[in-house]
Structure formats: C-alpha cells, structure tokens
Protein backbone atom coordinates (compact mmCIF):
# COMPACT_ATOMS: atom_id res chain seq x y z
CA UNK A 1 -4.57 6.00 -6.69
CA UNK A 2 -7.71 6.49 -8.79
CA UNK A 3 -5.99 8.32 -11.65
CA UNK A 4 -3.38 5.60 -12.10
CA UNK A 5 -6.10 2.92 -12.27
CA UNK A 6 -8.03 4.94 -14.85
CA UNK A 7 -4.82 5.55 -16.82
CA UNK A 8 -4.05 1.83 -16.80
CA UNK A 9 -7.52 0.77 -17.92
CA UNK A 10 -8.21 3.50 -20.44
CA UNK A 11 -4.78 4.81 -21.38
CA UNK A 12 -2.85 7.82 -20.16
CA UNK A 13 -4.66 11.10 -19.79
CA UNK A 14 -2.56 13.82 -21.37
CA UNK A 15 -3.09 17.49 -21.91
CA UNK A 16 -3.31 18.71 -25.49
CA UNK A 17 0.17 19.40 -26.80
CA UNK A 18 0.60 21.82 -29.66
CA UNK A 19 1.80 19.75 -32.59
CA UNK A 20 1.46 19.72 -36.32
CA UNK A 21 -1.70 18.04 -37.63
CA UNK A 22 0.30 15.00 -38.82
CA UNK A 23 2.01 14.58 -35.45
CA UNK A 24 -1.28 15.07 -33.64
CA UNK A 25 -2.96 12.44 -35.84
CA UNK A 26 -0.12 9.95 -35.23
CA UNK A 27 -0.21 10.68 -31.50
CA UNK A 28 -3.96 10.05 -31.38
CA UNK A 29 -3.55 6.79 -33.31
CA UNK A 30 -0.80 5.59 -30.96
CA UNK A 31 -2.87 6.54 -27.93
CA UNK A 32 -5.86 4.65 -29.37
CA UNK A 33 -3.71 1.53 -29.95
CA UNK A 34 -2.33 1.63 -26.40
CA UNK A 35 -5.82 2.11 -25.02
CA UNK A 36 -7.08 -0.87 -27.04
CA UNK A 37 -4.19 -3.01 -25.77
CA UNK A 38 -4.96 -2.12 -22.14
CA UNK A 39 -8.68 -2.71 -22.54
CA UNK A 40 -8.29 -6.09 -24.27
CA UNK A 41 -5.72 -7.35 -21.78
CA UNK A 42 -7.78 -6.19 -18.77
CA UNK A 43 -11.02 -7.67 -20.10
CA UNK A 44 -9.21 -10.88 -21.03
CA UNK A 45 -7.83 -11.14 -17.52
CA UNK A 46 -11.24 -10.64 -15.91
CA UNK A 47 -13.02 -13.04 -18.26
CA UNK A 48 -10.30 -15.68 -17.82
CA UNK A 49 -10.54 -15.40 -14.04
CA UNK A 50 -14.31 -15.77 -14.06
CA UNK A 51 -14.30 -18.72 -16.45
CA UNK A 52 -11.58 -20.59 -14.58
CA UNK A 53 -13.19 -19.88 -11.20
CA UNK A 54 -15.72 -22.56 -12.13
CA UNK A 55 -12.98 -25.10 -11.37
CA UNK A 56 -13.11 -23.96 -7.73
CA UNK A 57 -16.70 -25.16 -7.53
CA UNK A 58 -15.74 -28.52 -9.01
CA UNK A 59 -13.04 -29.10 -6.39
CA UNK A 60 -12.35 -32.82 -6.23
CA UNK A 61 -9.03 -32.58 -4.45
CA UNK A 62 -6.87 -32.23 -7.54
CA UNK A 63 -4.00 -29.79 -7.09
CA UNK A 64 -4.97 -27.70 -10.13
CA UNK A 65 -8.47 -27.15 -8.67
CA UNK A 66 -7.38 -25.84 -5.28
CA UNK A 67 -8.08 -22.20 -4.45
CA UNK A 68 -5.46 -19.94 -5.97
CA UNK A 69 -4.61 -22.07 -9.00
CA UNK A 70 -7.78 -21.58 -11.10
CA UNK A 71 -7.67 -17.83 -10.55
CA UNK A 72 -3.96 -17.56 -11.42
CA UNK A 73 -4.22 -19.83 -14.45
CA UNK A 74 -7.36 -18.05 -15.65
CA UNK A 75 -5.84 -14.60 -15.21
CA UNK A 76 -2.68 -15.60 -17.04
CA UNK A 77 -4.49 -17.31 -19.91
CA UNK A 78 -6.98 -14.46 -20.20
CA UNK A 79 -4.24 -11.85 -20.24
CA UNK A 80 -2.35 -13.70 -22.98
CA UNK A 81 -5.52 -14.10 -25.05
CA UNK A 82 -6.41 -10.43 -24.55
CA UNK A 83 -2.98 -9.24 -25.66
CA UNK A 84 -3.04 -11.55 -28.68
CA UNK A 85 -6.50 -10.28 -29.59
CA UNK A 86 -5.32 -6.67 -29.32
CA UNK A 87 -2.28 -7.42 -31.49
CA UNK A 88 -4.46 -9.11 -34.11
CA UNK A 89 -6.89 -6.19 -34.10
CA UNK A 90 -3.98 -3.77 -34.50
CA UNK A 91 -2.42 -5.71 -37.36
CA UNK A 92 -5.72 -6.12 -39.20
CA UNK A 93 -6.60 -2.42 -39.00
C-alpha cells in the first residue's frame, strides 16, 4: 500500500486536530522527531546495504561474503547506526 510506505518513510499523515496552541506545538514536535527517526533509520539501512554489497563483489568463498550475508549485515548495521544517529540528534536538539 502506497500510503503505508509513505507513512513509514515520512511519518504518519494526520488531519489537523483542533487543539490548544501548546498541545499543537508539542504534537508537531513529536511528529517531527518520529519523522526524523524513520528517515535516519531508513537511510541508514539503505546506505549500509549498499556499502556492504561491495563484499559480494569480493567473493572469495568465505561464508560472510556469500550472497545474503552482506546485505543482511549491512542492513542491520545501517539500521542501528541510523537509529543511534537519530537519537543523538534528538538529544542534542
């Protein structure tokens, strides 16, 4: 579903809810933080997969270099790095 993919990558799409200005400001801040977390983790996953895919080219028969392993390891490492980056950005702001 296209809308669920967009919601995952860029945060949930919600209609404007009538709230007080303070609640609306807090809601927008929370939505921005969730959006940042999704973007960093998604970009980290993609970058990690691309970087670790180089090990597929250098296949010398080692188990870690066989087809699915570089992609899985890269995706996992990239996701962890992306989430940690998002947490650090959130804490520092």
